[in-house]
C-alpha atoms as a PDB file:
ATOM      1  CA  MET A   1       0.000   0.000   0.000  1.00  0.00           C
ATOM      2  CA  LEU A   2       1.200   3.467  -0.846  1.00  0.00           C
ATOM      3  CA  TYR A   3       0.286   7.002   0.161  1.00  0.00           C
ATOM      4  CA  ASP A   4      -0.476   9.487  -2.629  1.00  0.00           C
ATOM      5  CA  SER A   5       3.164  10.591  -2.241  1.00  0.00           C
ATOM      6  CA  GLY A   6       4.324   7.113  -3.293  1.00  0.00           C
ATOM      7  CA  GLN A   7       5.724   6.197   0.128  1.00  0.00           C
ATOM      8  CA  PRO A   8       4.725   2.816   1.579  1.00  0.00           C
ATOM      9  CA  VAL A   9       2.208   2.696   4.434  1.00  0.00           C
ATOM     10  CA  LEU A  10       3.710   1.272   7.625  1.00  0.00           C
ATOM     11  CA  LEU A  11       2.189   0.468  10.988  1.00  0.00           C
ATOM     12  CA  GLY A  12       2.796   3.269  13.446  1.00  0.00           C
ATOM     13  CA  ASP A  13       2.912   6.028  10.818  1.00  0.00           C
ATOM     14  CA  LEU A  14       1.654   9.377  12.079  1.00  0.00           C
ATOM     15  CA  VAL A  15      -0.728  10.724   9.438  1.00  0.00           C
ATOM     16  CA  GLU A  16      -2.984  13.704   8.821  1.00  0.00           C
ATOM     17  CA  LEU A  17      -6.521  13.182   7.510  1.00  0.00           C
ATOM     18  CA  ASP A  18      -9.044  15.605   6.085  1.00  0.00           C
ATOM     19  CA  VAL A  19     -12.265  15.351   8.091  1.00  0.00           C
ATOM     20  CA  GLY A  20     -14.089  18.404   6.820  1.00  0.00           C
ATOM     21  CA  PRO A  21     -13.652  21.751   5.153  1.00  0.00           C
ATOM     22  CA  ASP A  22     -10.365  23.144   6.483  1.00  0.00           C
ATOM     23  CA  GLU A  23     -10.426  20.535   9.260  1.00  0.00           C
ATOM     24  CA  HIS A  24      -7.674  17.972   9.800  1.00  0.00           C
ATOM     25  CA  ILE A  25      -6.824  15.454  12.482  1.00  0.00           C
ATOM     26  CA  ARG A  26      -3.706  13.492  13.263  1.00  0.00           C
ATOM     27  CA  ALA A  27      -3.845   9.775  13.782  1.00  0.00           C
ATOM     28  CA  ARG A  28      -1.643   6.692  13.912  1.00  0.00           C
ATOM     29  CA  VAL A  29      -1.914   3.780  11.428  1.00  0.00           C
ATOM     30  CA  VAL A  30      -2.730   0.692  13.523  1.00  0.00           C
ATOM     31  CA  MET A  31      -4.074  -1.813  10.962  1.00  0.00           C
ATOM     32  CA  ILE A  32      -3.529  -2.328   7.236  1.00  0.00           C
ATOM     33  CA  GLY A  33      -6.263  -3.842   5.067  1.00  0.00           C
ATOM     34  CA  GLU A  34      -3.861  -5.298   2.515  1.00  0.00           C
ATOM     35  CA  ASP A  35      -2.711  -8.035   4.918  1.00  0.00           C
ATOM     36  CA  TYR A  36      -4.541  -7.301   8.193  1.00  0.00           C
ATOM     37  CA  SER A  37      -1.234  -6.564   9.924  1.00  0.00           C
ATOM     38  CA  HIS A  38      -1.840  -4.606  13.116  1.00  0.00           C
ATOM     39  CA  PHE A  39      -0.216  -3.064  16.145  1.00  0.00           C
ATOM     40  CA  GLY A  40      -1.683  -1.892  19.416  1.00  0.00           C
ATOM     41  CA  VAL A  41      -5.357  -2.563  18.679  1.00  0.00           C
ATOM     42  CA  GLU A  42      -7.686  -4.064  21.238  1.00  0.00           C
ATOM     43  CA  GLU A  43      -7.907  -7.835  20.851  1.00  0.00           C
ATOM     44  CA  SER A  44     -11.715  -7.793  20.561  1.00  0.00           C
ATOM     45  CA  PHE A  45     -11.540  -5.134  17.816  1.00  0.00           C
ATOM     46  CA  GLU A  46      -8.886  -7.047  15.865  1.00  0.00           C
ATOM     47  CA  ARG A  47     -10.919 -10.266  16.121  1.00  0.00           C
ATOM     48  CA  TRP A  48     -14.093  -8.511  14.905  1.00  0.00           C
ATOM     49  CA  VAL A  49     -12.281  -6.941  11.930  1.00  0.00           C
ATOM     50  CA  ARG A  50     -10.769 -10.305  10.886  1.00  0.00           C
ATOM     51  CA  GLU A  51     -13.852 -12.459  11.454  1.00  0.00           C
ATOM     52  CA  ASP A  52     -16.310 -10.094   9.756  1.00  0.00           C
ATOM     53  CA  ARG A  53     -13.826  -8.919   7.082  1.00  0.00           C
ATOM     54  CA  VAL A  54     -14.919  -5.296   7.559  1.00  0.00           C
ATOM     55  CA  LEU A  55     -11.592  -3.750   6.485  1.00  0.00           C
ATOM     56  CA  SER A  56     -11.206  -3.395   2.718  1.00  0.00           C
ATOM     57  CA  GLU A  57      -7.914  -4.352   1.121  1.00  0.00           C
ATOM     58  CA  GLY A  58      -7.114  -0.758   0.141  1.00  0.00           C
ATOM     59  CA  ASP A  59      -8.022   0.816   3.490  1.00  0.00           C
ATOM     60  CA  VAL A  60      -6.390   1.258   6.884  1.00  0.00           C
ATOM     61  CA  VAL A  61      -7.510   1.664  10.481  1.00  0.00           C
ATOM     62  CA  VAL A  62      -6.147   4.666  12.341  1.00  0.00           C
ATOM     63  CA  GLU A  63      -6.283   5.529  16.013  1.00  0.00           C
ATOM     64  CA  MET A  64      -7.228   9.157  16.451  1.00  0.00           C
ATOM     65  CA  SER A  65      -6.196  11.757  18.986  1.00  0.00           C
ATOM     66  CA  GLU A  66      -5.029  15.336  18.910  1.00  0.00           C
ATOM     67  CA  HIS A  67      -2.376  14.298  21.445  1.00  0.00           C
ATOM     68  CA  LEU A  68      -1.339  10.771  20.484  1.00  0.00           C
ATOM     69  CA  GLU A  69       0.580  10.182  23.695  1.00  0.00           C
ATOM     70  CA  ASN A  70      -2.802  10.442  25.469  1.00  0.00           C
ATOM     71  CA  VAL A  71      -4.754   8.167  23.109  1.00  0.00           C
ATOM     72  CA  GLU A  72      -7.594   6.364  24.761  1.00  0.00           C
ATOM     73  CA  SER A  73      -7.836   2.794  23.512  1.00  0.00           C
ATOM     74  CA  GLY A  74     -10.603   2.158  21.003  1.00  0.00           C
ATOM     75  CA  ASN A  75     -10.616   5.523  19.236  1.00  0.00           C
ATOM     76  CA  TYR A  76     -10.510   3.843  15.795  1.00  0.00           C
ATOM     77  CA  MET A  77     -11.541   4.985  12.331  1.00  0.00           C
ATOM     78  CA  PHE A  78     -11.556   3.128   9.009  1.00  0.00           C
ATOM     79  CA  THR A  79     -10.305   5.205   6.079  1.00  0.00           C
ATOM     80  CA  SER A  80      -9.068   4.988   2.535  1.00  0.00           C
ATOM     81  CA  LEU A  81      -5.674   6.503   1.776  1.00  0.00           C
ATOM     82  CA  SER A  82      -7.130   9.229  -0.416  1.00  0.00           C
ATOM     83  CA  GLY A  83      -6.096  12.531   1.103  1.00  0.00           C
ATOM     84  CA  VAL A  84      -4.119  10.879   3.913  1.00  0.00           C
ATOM     85  CA  LYS A  85      -0.734  12.540   4.369  1.00  0.00           C
ATOM     86  CA  LEU A  86       2.285  10.948   6.056  1.00  0.00           C
ATOM     87  CA  ILE A  87       3.540  13.298   8.794  1.00  0.00           C
ATOM     88  CA  GLU A  88       6.121  11.157  10.595  1.00  0.00           C
ATOM     89  CA  ARG A  89       7.483   7.644  10.310  1.00  0.00           C
ATOM     90  CA  VAL A  90       7.963   6.170  13.767  1.00  0.00           C
ATOM     91  CA  SER A  91       9.539   2.838  12.920  1.00  0.00           C
ATOM     92  CA  LYS A  92      10.347   0.570  10.017  1.00  0.00           C
ATOM     93  CA  SER A  93       9.555  -2.554  12.022  1.00  0.00           C
ATOM     94  CA  TYR A  94       6.299  -1.802  13.862  1.00  0.00           C
ATOM     95  CA  GLY A  95       3.660  -4.443  14.282  1.00  0.00           C
ATOM     96  CA  THR A  96       2.824  -8.094  13.973  1.00  0.00           C
END
C-alpha cells in the first residue's frame, strides 16, 4: 500500500486526515487492510475486523487523537488513503 506521495504505508505512521472543510486530524496507522497486519489494537476489535472482514484491502484503520501520547484505547476509524498525508514515520519494524 502506498500514500499518494508514493511512500509505503507502515504500521505506526503518524498521518494527517481531512475530516471536513479546512479541518484535519492526526492519527496513527494501527491496521492495514492489505494483509490485516496490526499493532496496538484491542484484541476484541482485531478479532471482529478479521472475522467479519470489515476492512477493505485498500483501506487502513487509524487511532485518532489530537495528542497521540494520550490516546484512549478504542478511538478507531476506518479510512481509505485518499487525502491521507504521512507526517512522521515512527519505525520501520512496527507491528505483527
